[in-house]
Amino acid sequence: MLHVLLVSTSEKTTGILKEYLNMEDCMNITACKTASRARRTALETAFDMIIINYPLADEREYELPQDLAEKSDASIMLMVPAEVYDIIADRMEKAGIYVLLKPVNKTVLLCVLRFAIVTQKRIRAMRMRNRSLKDRLSEIKVINQAKCLLMEHEQLSEAQAHRYLEKRAMDSQMSRLQVAEQLLKKYQLP
């Protein structure tokens, strides 16, 4: 499920964005009308995507998107009127914020939203894969530490230590990691 924060004083724009976003499965959409409320909401919830429609009643300097970009890894899209686009586009894009010129053609908006959703889904999948690889790396590290202890304390070769861990794991119906953790405790290593 993707968590999306919409920040807009315009009910019409919020409605259109919600309609387009709800075309996709698994969307959790939160809407705010003010920058101050958006800041509080972003502190309480981790969002995957943030869409901000300027102008906002309580902010004139376009600080909200930069604040949110510094504090989260969400994709941020900023919708701004033509008179300020040239002034802020470079500054926002350097902060990793996509700036969209208003008025926005509905077809273009739909394409941009779909692209953002697909990109966010890929990022989420890569994060999960990264987390899985980190977990696997940690597991290998613990197992290798246990092998080294067996080699040091029991005078086993690496192959013998490896076989010992596998056999003990099978015999006790435990994972190699659990057996390795027991050995670390036995030899009092953290």
N, C-alpha and C. Protein backbone atom coordinates (compact mmCIF):
# COMPACT_ATOMS: atom_id res chain seq x y z
N MET A 1 0.85 -1.18 0.00
CA MET A 1 0.00 0.00 0.00
C MET A 1 0.89 1.24 0.00
N LEU A 2 0.58 2.15 -0.89
CA LEU A 2 1.31 3.42 -0.95
C LEU A 2 0.57 4.46 -0.12
N HIS A 3 1.34 5.20 0.66
CA HIS A 3 0.77 6.28 1.48
C HIS A 3 1.05 7.60 0.78
N VAL A 4 -0.02 8.33 0.49
CA VAL A 4 0.08 9.58 -0.27
C VAL A 4 -0.47 10.73 0.57
N LEU A 5 0.29 11.82 0.60
CA LEU A 5 -0.17 13.04 1.27
C LEU A 5 -0.48 14.08 0.21
N LEU A 6 -1.71 14.58 0.21
CA LEU A 6 -2.12 15.66 -0.69
C LEU A 6 -2.24 16.93 0.15
N VAL A 7 -1.61 18.00 -0.33
CA VAL A 7 -1.69 19.28 0.37
C VAL A 7 -2.22 20.30 -0.62
N SER A 8 -3.43 20.77 -0.37
CA SER A 8 -4.07 21.72 -1.29
C SER A 8 -5.22 22.42 -0.59
N THR A 9 -5.34 23.72 -0.84
CA THR A 9 -6.49 24.44 -0.31
C THR A 9 -7.70 24.27 -1.22
N SER A 10 -7.46 23.82 -2.44
CA SER A 10 -8.53 23.65 -3.42
C SER A 10 -9.19 22.28 -3.29
N GLU A 11 -10.45 22.29 -2.94
CA GLU A 11 -11.23 21.04 -2.85
C GLU A 11 -11.31 20.37 -4.23
N LYS A 12 -11.43 21.18 -5.27
CA LYS A 12 -11.53 20.65 -6.62
C LYS A 12 -10.26 19.87 -7.00
N THR A 13 -9.11 20.49 -6.77
CA THR A 13 -7.84 19.83 -7.09
C THR A 13 -7.66 18.57 -6.24
N THR A 14 -7.98 18.66 -4.96
CA THR A 14 -7.88 17.49 -4.08
C THR A 14 -8.77 16.37 -4.60
N GLY A 15 -9.97 16.72 -5.01
CA GLY A 15 -10.90 15.71 -5.54
C GLY A 15 -10.38 15.05 -6.80
N ILE A 16 -9.84 15.84 -7.71
CA ILE A 16 -9.29 15.30 -8.97
C ILE A 16 -8.11 14.38 -8.67
N LEU A 17 -7.20 14.82 -7.81
CA LEU A 17 -6.04 14.02 -7.46
C LEU A 17 -6.46 12.70 -6.80
N LYS A 18 -7.41 12.78 -5.88
CA LYS A 18 -7.90 11.56 -5.22
C LYS A 18 -8.52 10.61 -6.24
N GLU A 19 -9.30 11.18 -7.16
CA GLU A 19 -9.94 10.35 -8.20
C GLU A 19 -8.88 9.62 -9.02
N TYR A 20 -7.86 10.33 -9.46
CA TYR A 20 -6.80 9.72 -10.26
C TYR A 20 -6.00 8.70 -9.45
N LEU A 21 -5.67 9.05 -8.23
CA LEU A 21 -4.88 8.14 -7.40
C LEU A 21 -5.66 6.87 -7.06
N ASN A 22 -6.96 7.01 -6.86
CA ASN A 22 -7.77 5.85 -6.52
C ASN A 22 -7.99 4.90 -7.70
N MET A 23 -7.56 5.29 -8.90
CA MET A 23 -7.60 4.37 -10.03
C MET A 23 -6.61 3.23 -9.81
N GLU A 24 -5.61 3.48 -9.01
CA GLU A 24 -4.60 2.47 -8.68
C GLU A 24 -5.05 1.71 -7.43
N ASP A 25 -4.60 0.49 -7.32
CA ASP A 25 -4.90 -0.32 -6.15
C ASP A 25 -4.05 0.11 -4.97
N CYS A 26 -4.54 -0.14 -3.79
CA CYS A 26 -3.79 0.01 -2.55
C CYS A 26 -3.23 1.41 -2.32
N MET A 27 -4.09 2.38 -2.33
CA MET A 27 -3.68 3.76 -2.04
C MET A 27 -4.29 4.19 -0.72
N ASN A 28 -3.46 4.73 0.15
CA ASN A 28 -3.93 5.32 1.39
C ASN A 28 -3.66 6.81 1.26
N ILE A 29 -4.71 7.58 1.08
CA ILE A 29 -4.58 9.00 0.78
C ILE A 29 -5.00 9.85 1.97
N THR A 30 -4.11 10.78 2.35
CA THR A 30 -4.39 11.72 3.42
C THR A 30 -4.35 13.12 2.80
N ALA A 31 -5.36 13.93 3.10
CA ALA A 31 -5.41 15.29 2.53
C ALA A 31 -5.32 16.32 3.65
N CYS A 32 -4.55 17.37 3.37
CA CYS A 32 -4.41 18.51 4.29
C CYS A 32 -4.64 19.79 3.49
N LYS A 33 -5.14 20.81 4.17
CA LYS A 33 -5.38 22.09 3.49
C LYS A 33 -4.30 23.13 3.77
N THR A 34 -3.47 22.90 4.79
CA THR A 34 -2.48 23.90 5.17
C THR A 34 -1.09 23.27 5.29
N ALA A 35 -0.08 24.11 5.17
CA ALA A 35 1.30 23.66 5.31
C ALA A 35 1.58 23.21 6.74
N SER A 36 1.03 23.92 7.71
CA SER A 36 1.28 23.55 9.10
C SER A 36 0.68 22.17 9.41
N ARG A 37 -0.51 21.92 8.92
CA ARG A 37 -1.13 20.60 9.13
C ARG A 37 -0.34 19.51 8.39
N ALA A 38 0.14 19.82 7.21
CA ALA A 38 0.93 18.86 6.44
C ALA A 38 2.22 18.50 7.18
N ARG A 39 2.86 19.48 7.79
CA ARG A 39 4.08 19.22 8.57
C ARG A 39 3.79 18.28 9.74
N ARG A 40 2.71 18.54 10.47
CA ARG A 40 2.34 17.68 11.60
C ARG A 40 2.01 16.27 11.13
N THR A 41 1.27 16.18 10.05
CA THR A 41 0.88 14.88 9.52
C THR A 41 2.09 14.09 9.04
N ALA A 42 3.04 14.77 8.41
CA ALA A 42 4.25 14.10 7.92
C ALA A 42 5.12 13.60 9.06
N LEU A 43 5.04 14.23 10.22
CA LEU A 43 5.78 13.75 11.39
C LEU A 43 5.16 12.48 11.95
N GLU A 44 3.85 12.33 11.79
CA GLU A 44 3.12 11.20 12.35
C GLU A 44 3.12 9.98 11.44
N THR A 45 3.24 10.19 10.14
CA THR A 45 3.11 9.11 9.17
C THR A 45 4.23 9.18 8.14
N ALA A 46 4.75 8.04 7.75
CA ALA A 46 5.75 7.98 6.68
C ALA A 46 5.00 7.87 5.35
N PHE A 47 5.19 8.85 4.49
CA PHE A 47 4.52 8.86 3.20
C PHE A 47 5.48 8.44 2.09
N ASP A 48 4.91 7.78 1.08
CA ASP A 48 5.69 7.38 -0.09
C ASP A 48 5.70 8.49 -1.12
N MET A 49 4.60 9.24 -1.17
CA MET A 49 4.47 10.30 -2.16
C MET A 49 3.74 11.48 -1.54
N ILE A 50 4.22 12.68 -1.86
CA ILE A 50 3.60 13.91 -1.36
C ILE A 50 3.35 14.82 -2.56
N ILE A 51 2.11 15.27 -2.67
CA ILE A 51 1.73 16.18 -3.76
C ILE A 51 1.24 17.48 -3.12
N ILE A 52 1.88 18.58 -3.49
CA ILE A 52 1.55 19.88 -2.90
C ILE A 52 1.08 20.81 -4.00
N ASN A 53 -0.11 21.36 -3.83
CA ASN A 53 -0.70 22.29 -4.79
C ASN A 53 -0.63 23.70 -4.21
N TYR A 54 0.26 24.51 -4.77
CA TYR A 54 0.39 25.90 -4.32
C TYR A 54 -0.54 26.79 -5.12
N PRO A 55 -0.94 27.94 -4.57
CA PRO A 55 -0.53 28.52 -3.29
C PRO A 55 -1.27 27.88 -2.11
N LEU A 56 -0.63 27.97 -0.95
CA LEU A 56 -1.24 27.53 0.31
C LEU A 56 -1.49 28.78 1.16
N ALA A 57 -2.58 28.76 1.91
CA ALA A 57 -2.98 29.95 2.68
C ALA A 57 -1.96 30.35 3.73
N ASP A 58 -1.28 29.38 4.33
CA ASP A 58 -0.38 29.71 5.45
C ASP A 58 1.10 29.66 5.06
N GLU A 59 1.40 29.71 3.77
CA GLU A 59 2.80 29.69 3.36
C GLU A 59 2.98 30.35 2.01
N ARG A 60 3.96 31.22 1.94
CA ARG A 60 4.23 31.95 0.70
C ARG A 60 5.63 31.67 0.13
N GLU A 61 6.54 31.16 0.95
CA GLU A 61 7.94 31.05 0.55
C GLU A 61 8.33 29.67 0.00
N TYR A 62 7.40 28.78 -0.15
CA TYR A 62 7.68 27.45 -0.72
C TYR A 62 8.69 26.66 0.12
N GLU A 63 8.57 26.77 1.43
CA GLU A 63 9.48 26.05 2.32
C GLU A 63 8.99 24.63 2.62
N LEU A 64 7.70 24.41 2.58
CA LEU A 64 7.14 23.10 2.91
C LEU A 64 7.77 21.96 2.11
N PRO A 65 7.83 22.05 0.78
CA PRO A 65 8.39 20.90 0.04
C PRO A 65 9.85 20.62 0.41
N GLN A 66 10.63 21.67 0.63
CA GLN A 66 12.03 21.46 1.00
C GLN A 66 12.14 20.87 2.40
N ASP A 67 11.32 21.33 3.33
CA ASP A 67 11.30 20.76 4.69
C ASP A 67 10.96 19.27 4.63
N LEU A 68 9.93 18.93 3.86
CA LEU A 68 9.51 17.54 3.76
C LEU A 68 10.57 16.68 3.06
N ALA A 69 11.24 17.25 2.06
CA ALA A 69 12.28 16.51 1.34
C ALA A 69 13.46 16.20 2.26
N GLU A 70 13.77 17.11 3.17
CA GLU A 70 14.87 16.89 4.12
C GLU A 70 14.54 15.84 5.16
N LYS A 71 13.26 15.73 5.51
CA LYS A 71 12.86 14.85 6.61
C LYS A 71 12.29 13.52 6.16
N SER A 72 12.13 13.31 4.86
CA SER A 72 11.55 12.05 4.41
C SER A 72 12.17 11.64 3.07
N ASP A 73 11.93 10.41 2.71
CA ASP A 73 12.42 9.95 1.41
C ASP A 73 11.26 9.77 0.43
N ALA A 74 10.17 10.46 0.69
CA ALA A 74 9.01 10.41 -0.19
C ALA A 74 9.30 11.12 -1.51
N SER A 75 8.63 10.66 -2.56
CA SER A 75 8.66 11.40 -3.82
C SER A 75 7.76 12.61 -3.63
N ILE A 76 8.25 13.79 -4.03
CA ILE A 76 7.46 15.01 -3.82
C ILE A 76 7.22 15.69 -5.15
N MET A 77 5.95 16.01 -5.38
CA MET A 77 5.56 16.73 -6.59
C MET A 77 4.90 18.04 -6.15
N LEU A 78 5.35 19.10 -6.78
CA LEU A 78 4.88 20.43 -6.45
C LEU A 78 4.16 21.01 -7.66
N MET A 79 2.92 21.45 -7.47
CA MET A 79 2.15 22.08 -8.55
C MET A 79 2.12 23.58 -8.27
N VAL A 80 2.67 24.36 -9.22
CA VAL A 80 2.78 25.81 -9.00
C VAL A 80 2.23 26.60 -10.18
N PRO A 81 1.79 27.83 -9.90
CA PRO A 81 1.32 28.70 -10.98
C PRO A 81 2.49 29.18 -11.85
N ALA A 82 2.18 29.55 -13.08
CA ALA A 82 3.19 29.94 -14.06
C ALA A 82 4.08 31.09 -13.59
N GLU A 83 3.51 32.05 -12.84
CA GLU A 83 4.30 33.22 -12.45
C GLU A 83 5.46 32.92 -11.50
N VAL A 84 5.42 31.77 -10.82
CA VAL A 84 6.53 31.44 -9.92
C VAL A 84 7.36 30.25 -10.39
N TYR A 85 6.91 29.61 -11.44
CA TYR A 85 7.59 28.39 -11.91
C TYR A 85 9.08 28.63 -12.16
N ASP A 86 9.41 29.63 -12.96
CA ASP A 86 10.81 29.90 -13.29
C ASP A 86 11.63 30.29 -12.06
N ILE A 87 11.00 30.90 -11.10
CA ILE A 87 11.70 31.36 -9.90
C ILE A 87 12.11 30.18 -9.00
N ILE A 88 11.22 29.19 -8.87
CA ILE A 88 11.49 28.13 -7.89
C ILE A 88 11.85 26.77 -8.48
N ALA A 89 11.64 26.56 -9.76
CA ALA A 89 11.84 25.23 -10.35
C ALA A 89 13.25 24.69 -10.10
N ASP A 90 14.28 25.48 -10.37
CA ASP A 90 15.66 25.01 -10.18
C ASP A 90 15.93 24.65 -8.72
N ARG A 91 15.51 25.51 -7.82
CA ARG A 91 15.75 25.28 -6.39
C ARG A 91 15.07 23.99 -5.93
N MET A 92 13.85 23.77 -6.38
CA MET A 92 13.10 22.58 -5.97
C MET A 92 13.70 21.32 -6.60
N GLU A 93 14.02 21.39 -7.86
CA GLU A 93 14.55 20.21 -8.54
C GLU A 93 15.91 19.81 -7.96
N LYS A 94 16.71 20.78 -7.51
CA LYS A 94 17.98 20.46 -6.85
C LYS A 94 17.74 19.71 -5.54
N ALA A 95 16.60 19.95 -4.92
CA ALA A 95 16.23 19.25 -3.68
C ALA A 95 15.52 17.93 -3.98
N GLY A 96 15.40 17.58 -5.26
CA GLY A 96 14.76 16.32 -5.63
C GLY A 96 13.25 16.40 -5.70
N ILE A 97 12.73 17.59 -5.89
CA ILE A 97 11.28 17.82 -5.91
C ILE A 97 10.85 18.10 -7.36
N TYR A 98 9.89 17.33 -7.84
CA TYR A 98 9.40 17.51 -9.20
C TYR A 98 8.42 18.68 -9.21
N VAL A 99 8.61 19.61 -10.13
CA VAL A 99 7.74 20.80 -10.20
C VAL A 99 6.90 20.71 -11.46
N LEU A 100 5.60 20.84 -11.28
CA LEU A 100 4.64 20.76 -12.38
C LEU A 100 3.96 22.11 -12.54
N LEU A 101 3.96 22.62 -13.74
CA LEU A 101 3.39 23.93 -14.05
C LEU A 101 1.86 23.84 -14.15
N LYS A 102 1.17 24.79 -13.49
CA LYS A 102 -0.28 24.87 -13.58
C LYS A 102 -0.66 25.95 -14.59
N PRO A 103 -1.76 25.86 -15.24
CA PRO A 103 -2.75 24.78 -15.15
C PRO A 103 -2.22 23.51 -15.82
N VAL A 104 -2.67 22.38 -15.29
CA VAL A 104 -2.19 21.08 -15.76
C VAL A 104 -3.28 20.42 -16.57
N ASN A 105 -2.90 19.97 -17.75
CA ASN A 105 -3.79 19.17 -18.58
C ASN A 105 -4.07 17.86 -17.83
N LYS A 106 -5.33 17.43 -17.79
CA LYS A 106 -5.69 16.23 -17.03
C LYS A 106 -4.95 14.98 -17.51
N THR A 107 -4.76 14.87 -18.82
CA THR A 107 -4.04 13.71 -19.36
C THR A 107 -2.59 13.72 -18.90
N VAL A 108 -1.97 14.88 -18.93
CA VAL A 108 -0.58 15.01 -18.48
C VAL A 108 -0.50 14.68 -16.99
N LEU A 109 -1.43 15.21 -16.21
CA LEU A 109 -1.44 14.95 -14.78
C LEU A 109 -1.59 13.45 -14.50
N LEU A 110 -2.48 12.80 -15.20
CA LEU A 110 -2.68 11.37 -15.03
C LEU A 110 -1.40 10.60 -15.35
N CYS A 111 -0.74 10.97 -16.45
CA CYS A 111 0.52 10.31 -16.83
C CYS A 111 1.60 10.54 -15.78
N VAL A 112 1.72 11.75 -15.28
CA VAL A 112 2.73 12.07 -14.26
C VAL A 112 2.43 11.28 -12.98
N LEU A 113 1.18 11.21 -12.57
CA LEU A 113 0.82 10.47 -11.37
C LEU A 113 1.11 8.98 -11.53
N ARG A 114 0.76 8.43 -12.68
CA ARG A 114 1.05 7.01 -12.91
C ARG A 114 2.55 6.74 -12.88
N PHE A 115 3.31 7.63 -13.50
CA PHE A 115 4.76 7.47 -13.47
C PHE A 115 5.28 7.52 -12.03
N ALA A 116 4.78 8.46 -11.25
CA ALA A 116 5.21 8.58 -9.85
C ALA A 116 4.84 7.34 -9.05
N ILE A 117 3.66 6.80 -9.30
CA ILE A 117 3.22 5.60 -8.59
C ILE A 117 4.09 4.40 -8.96
N VAL A 118 4.33 4.22 -10.24
CA VAL A 118 5.17 3.11 -10.69
C VAL A 118 6.58 3.24 -10.11
N THR A 119 7.11 4.44 -10.14
CA THR A 119 8.45 4.68 -9.60
C THR A 119 8.48 4.38 -8.10
N GLN A 120 7.47 4.81 -7.39
CA GLN A 120 7.42 4.57 -5.95
C GLN A 120 7.29 3.08 -5.64
N LYS A 121 6.54 2.35 -6.44
CA LYS A 121 6.43 0.90 -6.24
C LYS A 121 7.78 0.23 -6.48
N ARG A 122 8.52 0.67 -7.48
CA ARG A 122 9.85 0.11 -7.74
C ARG A 122 10.80 0.43 -6.59
N ILE A 123 10.74 1.65 -6.09
CA ILE A 123 11.60 2.03 -4.97
C ILE A 123 11.27 1.17 -3.75
N ARG A 124 10.00 0.96 -3.49
CA ARG A 124 9.59 0.13 -2.35
C ARG A 124 10.11 -1.30 -2.52
N ALA A 125 9.99 -1.84 -3.72
CA ALA A 125 10.50 -3.20 -3.97
C ALA A 125 12.01 -3.26 -3.77
N MET A 126 12.72 -2.23 -4.22
CA MET A 126 14.18 -2.21 -4.03
C MET A 126 14.54 -2.09 -2.55
N ARG A 127 13.76 -1.32 -1.79
CA ARG A 127 14.00 -1.21 -0.35
C ARG A 127 13.83 -2.57 0.33
N MET A 128 12.77 -3.27 -0.06
CA MET A 128 12.53 -4.59 0.53
C MET A 128 13.66 -5.55 0.16
N ARG A 129 14.10 -5.51 -1.08
CA ARG A 129 15.22 -6.36 -1.51
C ARG A 129 16.49 -5.98 -0.76
N ASN A 130 16.73 -4.70 -0.60
CA ASN A 130 17.89 -4.22 0.14
C ASN A 130 17.84 -4.71 1.59
N ARG A 131 16.68 -4.60 2.21
CA ARG A 131 16.51 -5.07 3.59
C ARG A 131 16.78 -6.56 3.69
N SER A 132 16.26 -7.31 2.72
CA SER A 132 16.47 -8.75 2.68
C SER A 132 17.96 -9.09 2.54
N LEU A 133 18.65 -8.37 1.67
CA LEU A 133 20.08 -8.61 1.48
C LEU A 133 20.87 -8.25 2.74
N LYS A 134 20.49 -7.18 3.40
CA LYS A 134 21.17 -6.80 4.65
C LYS A 134 20.96 -7.86 5.72
N ASP A 135 19.74 -8.39 5.80
CA ASP A 135 19.46 -9.45 6.77
C ASP A 135 20.30 -10.69 6.46
N ARG A 136 20.36 -11.04 5.19
CA ARG A 136 21.15 -12.21 4.77
C ARG A 136 22.63 -12.00 5.07
N LEU A 137 23.12 -10.80 4.82
CA LEU A 137 24.52 -10.48 5.10
C LEU A 137 24.81 -10.59 6.60
N SER A 138 23.91 -10.11 7.43
CA SER A 138 24.07 -10.22 8.88
C SER A 138 24.09 -11.69 9.31
N GLU A 139 23.22 -12.47 8.70
CA GLU A 139 23.16 -13.90 9.00
C GLU A 139 24.48 -14.59 8.64
N ILE A 140 25.00 -14.27 7.47
CA ILE A 140 26.28 -14.85 7.03
C ILE A 140 27.40 -14.45 7.97
N LYS A 141 27.37 -13.20 8.42
CA LYS A 141 28.40 -12.72 9.34
C LYS A 141 28.39 -13.52 10.64
N VAL A 142 27.21 -13.76 11.20
CA VAL A 142 27.09 -14.52 12.44
C VAL A 142 27.57 -15.95 12.23
N ILE A 143 27.16 -16.55 11.12
CA ILE A 143 27.57 -17.93 10.81
C ILE A 143 29.08 -18.01 10.64
N ASN A 144 29.67 -17.04 9.96
CA ASN A 144 31.13 -17.03 9.79
C ASN A 144 31.86 -16.83 11.11
N GLN A 145 31.29 -16.01 11.99
CA GLN A 145 31.90 -15.85 13.33
C GLN A 145 31.89 -17.18 14.07
N ALA A 146 30.77 -17.89 13.97
CA ALA A 146 30.67 -19.19 14.63
C ALA A 146 31.68 -20.18 14.04
N LYS A 147 31.83 -20.16 12.73
CA LYS A 147 32.83 -21.03 12.10
C LYS A 147 34.23 -20.71 12.62
N CYS A 148 34.54 -19.43 12.70
CA CYS A 148 35.86 -19.03 13.20
C CYS A 148 36.07 -19.51 14.63
N LEU A 149 35.05 -19.44 15.46
CA LEU A 149 35.15 -19.91 16.84
C LEU A 149 35.39 -21.42 16.88
N LEU A 150 34.66 -22.13 16.03
CA LEU A 150 34.87 -23.58 15.97
C LEU A 150 36.29 -23.91 15.51
N MET A 151 36.77 -23.16 14.54
CA MET A 151 38.13 -23.38 14.05
C MET A 151 39.15 -23.08 15.14
N GLU A 152 38.89 -22.03 15.92
CA GLU A 152 39.83 -21.62 16.96
C GLU A 152 39.76 -22.53 18.19
N HIS A 153 38.55 -22.77 18.68
CA HIS A 153 38.38 -23.50 19.94
C HIS A 153 38.33 -25.01 19.78
N GLU A 154 37.86 -25.48 18.66
CA GLU A 154 37.72 -26.92 18.46
C GLU A 154 38.73 -27.47 17.45
N GLN A 155 39.59 -26.60 16.94
CA GLN A 155 40.62 -26.95 15.97
C GLN A 155 40.04 -27.67 14.74
N LEU A 156 38.92 -27.12 14.23
CA LEU A 156 38.31 -27.66 13.02
C LEU A 156 38.78 -26.85 11.82
N SER A 157 38.78 -27.50 10.66
CA SER A 157 39.02 -26.75 9.42
C SER A 157 37.75 -25.98 9.08
N GLU A 158 37.84 -25.10 8.11
CA GLU A 158 36.63 -24.35 7.72
C GLU A 158 35.55 -25.31 7.21
N ALA A 159 35.94 -26.27 6.41
CA ALA A 159 34.98 -27.24 5.87
C ALA A 159 34.34 -28.05 7.01
N GLN A 160 35.14 -28.43 7.99
CA GLN A 160 34.60 -29.18 9.13
C GLN A 160 33.66 -28.32 9.97
N ALA A 161 34.03 -27.07 10.16
CA ALA A 161 33.17 -26.15 10.92
C ALA A 161 31.85 -25.94 10.19
N HIS A 162 31.93 -25.79 8.88
CA HIS A 162 30.72 -25.62 8.06
C HIS A 162 29.82 -26.85 8.20
N ARG A 163 30.42 -28.02 8.07
CA ARG A 163 29.68 -29.27 8.17
C ARG A 163 29.07 -29.43 9.56
N TYR A 164 29.84 -29.06 10.58
CA TYR A 164 29.36 -29.14 11.96
C TYR A 164 28.09 -28.31 12.14
N LEU A 165 28.12 -27.06 11.65
CA LEU A 165 26.95 -26.18 11.76
C LEU A 165 25.75 -26.76 11.03
N GLU A 166 25.97 -27.25 9.82
CA GLU A 166 24.87 -27.83 9.04
C GLU A 166 24.28 -29.05 9.73
N LYS A 167 25.15 -29.95 10.18
CA LYS A 167 24.69 -31.19 10.82
C LYS A 167 23.94 -30.89 12.11
N ARG A 168 24.50 -29.99 12.92
CA ARG A 168 23.84 -29.64 14.17
C ARG A 168 22.49 -28.98 13.92
N ALA A 169 22.41 -28.13 12.90
CA ALA A 169 21.14 -27.48 12.55
C ALA A 169 20.10 -28.53 12.13
N MET A 170 20.51 -29.48 11.30
CA MET A 170 19.57 -30.53 10.87
C MET A 170 19.15 -31.41 12.04
N ASP A 171 20.11 -31.82 12.85
CA ASP A 171 19.82 -32.72 13.96
C ASP A 171 18.90 -32.08 15.00
N SER A 172 19.06 -30.80 15.21
CA SER A 172 18.25 -30.11 16.23
C SER A 172 17.04 -29.40 15.64
N GLN A 173 16.85 -29.53 14.33
CA GLN A 173 15.74 -28.87 13.62
C GLN A 173 15.73 -27.37 13.88
N MET A 174 16.90 -26.78 13.75
CA MET A 174 17.08 -25.34 13.91
C MET A 174 17.75 -24.81 12.64
N SER A 175 17.72 -23.53 12.49
CA SER A 175 18.43 -22.93 11.36
C SER A 175 19.92 -22.85 11.69
N ARG A 176 20.73 -22.71 10.65
CA ARG A 176 22.17 -22.54 10.88
C ARG A 176 22.43 -21.28 11.71
N LEU A 177 21.61 -20.25 11.48
CA LEU A 177 21.77 -19.01 12.24
C LEU A 177 21.53 -19.25 13.73
N GLN A 178 20.50 -20.00 14.06
CA GLN A 178 20.22 -20.27 15.47
C GLN A 178 21.36 -21.06 16.12
N VAL A 179 21.88 -22.05 15.39
CA VAL A 179 23.00 -22.83 15.90
C VAL A 179 24.22 -21.92 16.09
N ALA A 180 24.47 -21.05 15.11
CA ALA A 180 25.61 -20.13 15.20
C ALA A 180 25.45 -19.19 16.39
N GLU A 181 24.24 -18.69 16.61
CA GLU A 181 24.00 -17.80 17.74
C GLU A 181 24.23 -18.51 19.07
N GLN A 182 23.85 -19.81 19.15
CA GLN A 182 24.11 -20.59 20.36
C GLN A 182 25.62 -20.72 20.61
N LEU A 183 26.36 -20.95 19.53
CA LEU A 183 27.81 -21.06 19.67
C LEU A 183 28.43 -19.75 20.13
N LEU A 184 27.94 -18.63 19.60
CA LEU A 184 28.46 -17.33 20.03
C LEU A 184 28.19 -17.12 21.52
N LYS A 185 27.02 -17.55 21.98
CA LYS A 185 26.70 -17.43 23.41
C LYS A 185 27.61 -18.35 24.23
N LYS A 186 27.82 -19.56 23.73
CA LYS A 186 28.67 -20.53 24.42
C LYS A 186 30.08 -19.97 24.62
N TYR A 187 30.58 -19.33 23.58
CA TYR A 187 31.92 -18.76 23.67
C TYR A 187 31.90 -17.28 24.08
N GLN A 188 30.71 -16.83 24.49
CA GLN A 188 30.47 -15.49 25.04
C GLN A 188 30.90 -14.35 24.12
N LEU A 189 30.47 -14.41 22.88
CA LEU A 189 30.67 -13.30 21.95
C LEU A 189 29.32 -12.68 21.64
N PRO A 190 29.26 -11.36 21.53
CA PRO A 190 27.97 -10.68 21.27
C PRO A 190 27.48 -10.94 19.86
